[in-house]
Amino acid sequence: MTPTLAPEQALLATDRCDRCSAQAYVRVTLSAGGDLLFCGHHFREHEDRLRPLALRIQDETDRLATTTAIVED
């Protein structure tokens, strides 16, 4: 029997990085079971080691796009 994955849920502001407690933007579902949450910084730091262990990687770091504020005098 082939296991099925639950539908992917968007990461929330309450989801925190397992390394530093910053807001998580990446969820790594491990093939051995369980999930790890990372901020963008810590995911990039550990990405090479995580990819071979991952069943799925949910990367929402595109939400970190920089916005420029317009200031009028």
N, C-alpha and C. Protein backbone atom coordinates (compact mmCIF):
# COMPACT_ATOMS: atom_id res chain seq x y z
N MET A 1 0.85 -1.18 0.00
CA MET A 1 0.00 0.00 0.00
C MET A 1 0.89 1.24 0.00
N THR A 2 0.52 2.23 -0.78
CA THR A 2 1.25 3.49 -0.88
C THR A 2 0.67 4.50 0.10
N PRO A 3 1.51 5.09 0.96
CA PRO A 3 0.98 6.09 1.89
C PRO A 3 0.55 7.34 1.14
N THR A 4 -0.48 7.99 1.65
CA THR A 4 -0.93 9.25 1.06
C THR A 4 -0.60 10.38 2.02
N LEU A 5 -0.32 11.53 1.46
CA LEU A 5 0.02 12.71 2.25
C LEU A 5 -1.22 13.57 2.44
N ALA A 6 -1.34 14.15 3.60
CA ALA A 6 -2.42 15.10 3.85
C ALA A 6 -2.21 16.33 2.98
N PRO A 7 -3.29 17.02 2.62
CA PRO A 7 -3.13 18.25 1.83
C PRO A 7 -2.23 19.24 2.56
N GLU A 8 -1.44 19.94 1.79
CA GLU A 8 -0.51 20.91 2.35
C GLU A 8 -1.27 22.12 2.89
N GLN A 9 -0.98 22.50 4.13
CA GLN A 9 -1.60 23.67 4.73
C GLN A 9 -0.58 24.79 4.77
N ALA A 10 -1.04 26.00 4.50
CA ALA A 10 -0.14 27.16 4.54
C ALA A 10 0.43 27.32 5.94
N LEU A 11 1.67 27.74 6.00
CA LEU A 11 2.31 28.03 7.28
C LEU A 11 1.72 29.32 7.85
N LEU A 12 1.52 29.33 9.15
CA LEU A 12 0.91 30.48 9.82
C LEU A 12 1.96 31.28 10.57
N ALA A 13 1.61 32.48 10.98
CA ALA A 13 2.51 33.33 11.76
C ALA A 13 2.85 32.67 13.10
N THR A 14 2.01 31.77 13.56
CA THR A 14 2.26 31.08 14.83
C THR A 14 3.20 29.88 14.66
N ASP A 15 3.49 29.47 13.42
CA ASP A 15 4.46 28.39 13.17
C ASP A 15 5.86 28.96 13.34
N ARG A 16 6.66 28.34 14.19
CA ARG A 16 7.96 28.89 14.55
C ARG A 16 9.09 27.94 14.13
N CYS A 17 10.22 28.51 13.79
CA CYS A 17 11.42 27.78 13.41
C CYS A 17 11.88 26.91 14.59
N ASP A 18 12.20 25.65 14.30
CA ASP A 18 12.68 24.74 15.34
C ASP A 18 14.08 25.08 15.83
N ARG A 19 14.80 25.92 15.13
CA ARG A 19 16.16 26.29 15.53
C ARG A 19 16.20 27.58 16.35
N CYS A 20 15.42 28.61 15.93
CA CYS A 20 15.57 29.92 16.57
C CYS A 20 14.25 30.57 17.00
N SER A 21 13.14 29.93 16.73
CA SER A 21 11.80 30.44 17.09
C SER A 21 11.33 31.63 16.27
N ALA A 22 12.03 31.98 15.19
CA ALA A 22 11.52 33.00 14.26
C ALA A 22 10.34 32.40 13.49
N GLN A 23 9.61 33.22 12.77
CA GLN A 23 8.50 32.71 11.98
C GLN A 23 9.00 31.70 10.96
N ALA A 24 8.33 30.55 10.87
CA ALA A 24 8.73 29.49 9.93
C ALA A 24 8.14 29.76 8.55
N TYR A 25 8.97 29.60 7.53
CA TYR A 25 8.54 29.73 6.15
C TYR A 25 8.80 28.45 5.36
N VAL A 26 9.37 27.42 6.01
CA VAL A 26 9.64 26.15 5.34
C VAL A 26 9.24 25.01 6.27
N ARG A 27 8.47 24.06 5.72
CA ARG A 27 8.13 22.82 6.44
C ARG A 27 8.79 21.68 5.70
N VAL A 28 9.58 20.89 6.42
CA VAL A 28 10.22 19.71 5.84
C VAL A 28 9.54 18.48 6.44
N THR A 29 8.88 17.70 5.60
CA THR A 29 8.28 16.45 6.03
C THR A 29 9.31 15.36 5.78
N LEU A 30 9.74 14.71 6.85
CA LEU A 30 10.79 13.70 6.75
C LEU A 30 10.22 12.36 6.29
N SER A 31 10.98 11.64 5.47
CA SER A 31 10.54 10.33 5.00
C SER A 31 10.42 9.34 6.16
N ALA A 32 11.16 9.54 7.24
CA ALA A 32 11.07 8.68 8.42
C ALA A 32 9.88 9.04 9.30
N GLY A 33 9.21 10.15 8.98
CA GLY A 33 8.05 10.61 9.74
C GLY A 33 8.35 11.89 10.50
N GLY A 34 7.36 12.71 10.65
CA GLY A 34 7.49 13.97 11.38
C GLY A 34 7.83 15.14 10.47
N ASP A 35 7.62 16.32 11.01
CA ASP A 35 7.89 17.56 10.30
C ASP A 35 8.89 18.40 11.08
N LEU A 36 9.67 19.18 10.34
CA LEU A 36 10.55 20.18 10.92
C LEU A 36 10.18 21.51 10.31
N LEU A 37 10.19 22.58 11.10
CA LEU A 37 9.88 23.92 10.62
C LEU A 37 11.14 24.77 10.71
N PHE A 38 11.36 25.60 9.67
CA PHE A 38 12.54 26.44 9.63
C PHE A 38 12.20 27.83 9.11
N CYS A 39 12.92 28.83 9.62
CA CYS A 39 12.92 30.16 9.01
C CYS A 39 13.73 30.02 7.72
N GLY A 40 13.69 31.00 6.86
CA GLY A 40 14.44 30.94 5.60
C GLY A 40 15.94 30.77 5.83
N HIS A 41 16.48 31.50 6.81
CA HIS A 41 17.92 31.45 7.09
C HIS A 41 18.37 30.04 7.48
N HIS A 42 17.68 29.43 8.42
CA HIS A 42 18.10 28.11 8.89
C HIS A 42 17.82 27.01 7.87
N PHE A 43 16.78 27.16 7.06
CA PHE A 43 16.57 26.18 6.00
C PHE A 43 17.73 26.22 5.01
N ARG A 44 18.13 27.41 4.58
CA ARG A 44 19.25 27.51 3.64
C ARG A 44 20.53 26.95 4.26
N GLU A 45 20.72 27.17 5.54
CA GLU A 45 21.91 26.67 6.22
C GLU A 45 21.96 25.13 6.24
N HIS A 46 20.81 24.48 6.38
CA HIS A 46 20.76 23.03 6.52
C HIS A 46 20.18 22.30 5.30
N GLU A 47 19.86 23.02 4.25
CA GLU A 47 19.16 22.45 3.10
C GLU A 47 19.87 21.23 2.50
N ASP A 48 21.18 21.31 2.32
CA ASP A 48 21.91 20.20 1.69
C ASP A 48 21.78 18.90 2.49
N ARG A 49 21.71 18.99 3.80
CA ARG A 49 21.57 17.79 4.63
C ARG A 49 20.12 17.33 4.73
N LEU A 50 19.17 18.26 4.58
CA LEU A 50 17.76 17.90 4.72
C LEU A 50 17.18 17.26 3.46
N ARG A 51 17.59 17.71 2.30
CA ARG A 51 16.99 17.22 1.05
C ARG A 51 17.00 15.69 0.92
N PRO A 52 18.11 15.00 1.23
CA PRO A 52 18.09 13.54 1.11
C PRO A 52 17.14 12.85 2.11
N LEU A 53 16.79 13.53 3.19
CA LEU A 53 15.94 12.95 4.23
C LEU A 53 14.47 13.30 4.05
N ALA A 54 14.19 14.23 3.14
CA ALA A 54 12.84 14.80 3.02
C ALA A 54 11.94 14.00 2.10
N LEU A 55 10.72 13.82 2.53
CA LEU A 55 9.67 13.29 1.68
C LEU A 55 9.05 14.43 0.88
N ARG A 56 8.94 15.59 1.56
CA ARG A 56 8.36 16.78 0.92
C ARG A 56 8.93 18.03 1.60
N ILE A 57 9.14 19.07 0.80
CA ILE A 57 9.58 20.36 1.33
C ILE A 57 8.58 21.41 0.88
N GLN A 58 7.96 22.07 1.83
CA GLN A 58 7.01 23.15 1.56
C GLN A 58 7.76 24.46 1.81
N ASP A 59 8.12 25.13 0.74
CA ASP A 59 8.93 26.35 0.83
C ASP A 59 8.07 27.56 0.52
N GLU A 60 7.83 28.39 1.52
CA GLU A 60 7.03 29.61 1.35
C GLU A 60 7.90 30.85 1.53
N THR A 61 9.19 30.73 1.28
CA THR A 61 10.09 31.88 1.45
C THR A 61 9.81 32.98 0.45
N ASP A 62 9.05 32.70 -0.60
CA ASP A 62 8.69 33.76 -1.54
C ASP A 62 7.82 34.82 -0.87
N ARG A 63 7.22 34.48 0.27
CA ARG A 63 6.43 35.46 1.04
C ARG A 63 7.31 36.50 1.71
N LEU A 64 8.63 36.29 1.69
CA LEU A 64 9.56 37.22 2.33
C LEU A 64 10.01 38.34 1.39
N ALA A 65 9.39 38.45 0.24
CA ALA A 65 9.78 39.48 -0.74
C ALA A 65 9.78 40.85 -0.09
N THR A 66 10.81 41.61 -0.40
CA THR A 66 10.96 42.95 0.16
C THR A 66 9.99 43.90 -0.51
N THR A 67 9.36 44.72 0.29
CA THR A 67 8.48 45.77 -0.25
C THR A 67 9.08 47.12 0.10
N THR A 68 8.88 48.08 -0.76
CA THR A 68 9.40 49.41 -0.54
C THR A 68 8.24 50.34 -0.18
N ALA A 69 8.39 51.06 0.90
CA ALA A 69 7.36 52.01 1.31
C ALA A 69 7.57 53.32 0.57
N ILE A 70 6.48 53.94 0.19
CA ILE A 70 6.52 55.24 -0.47
C ILE A 70 6.23 56.30 0.60
N VAL A 71 7.15 57.21 0.75
CA VAL A 71 7.01 58.26 1.76
C VAL A 71 6.84 59.59 1.02
N GLU A 72 5.75 60.26 1.34
CA GLU A 72 5.49 61.56 0.73
C GLU A 72 5.80 62.65 1.74
N ASP A 73 6.41 63.72 1.28
CA ASP A 73 6.70 64.86 2.16
C ASP A 73 5.52 65.77 2.30
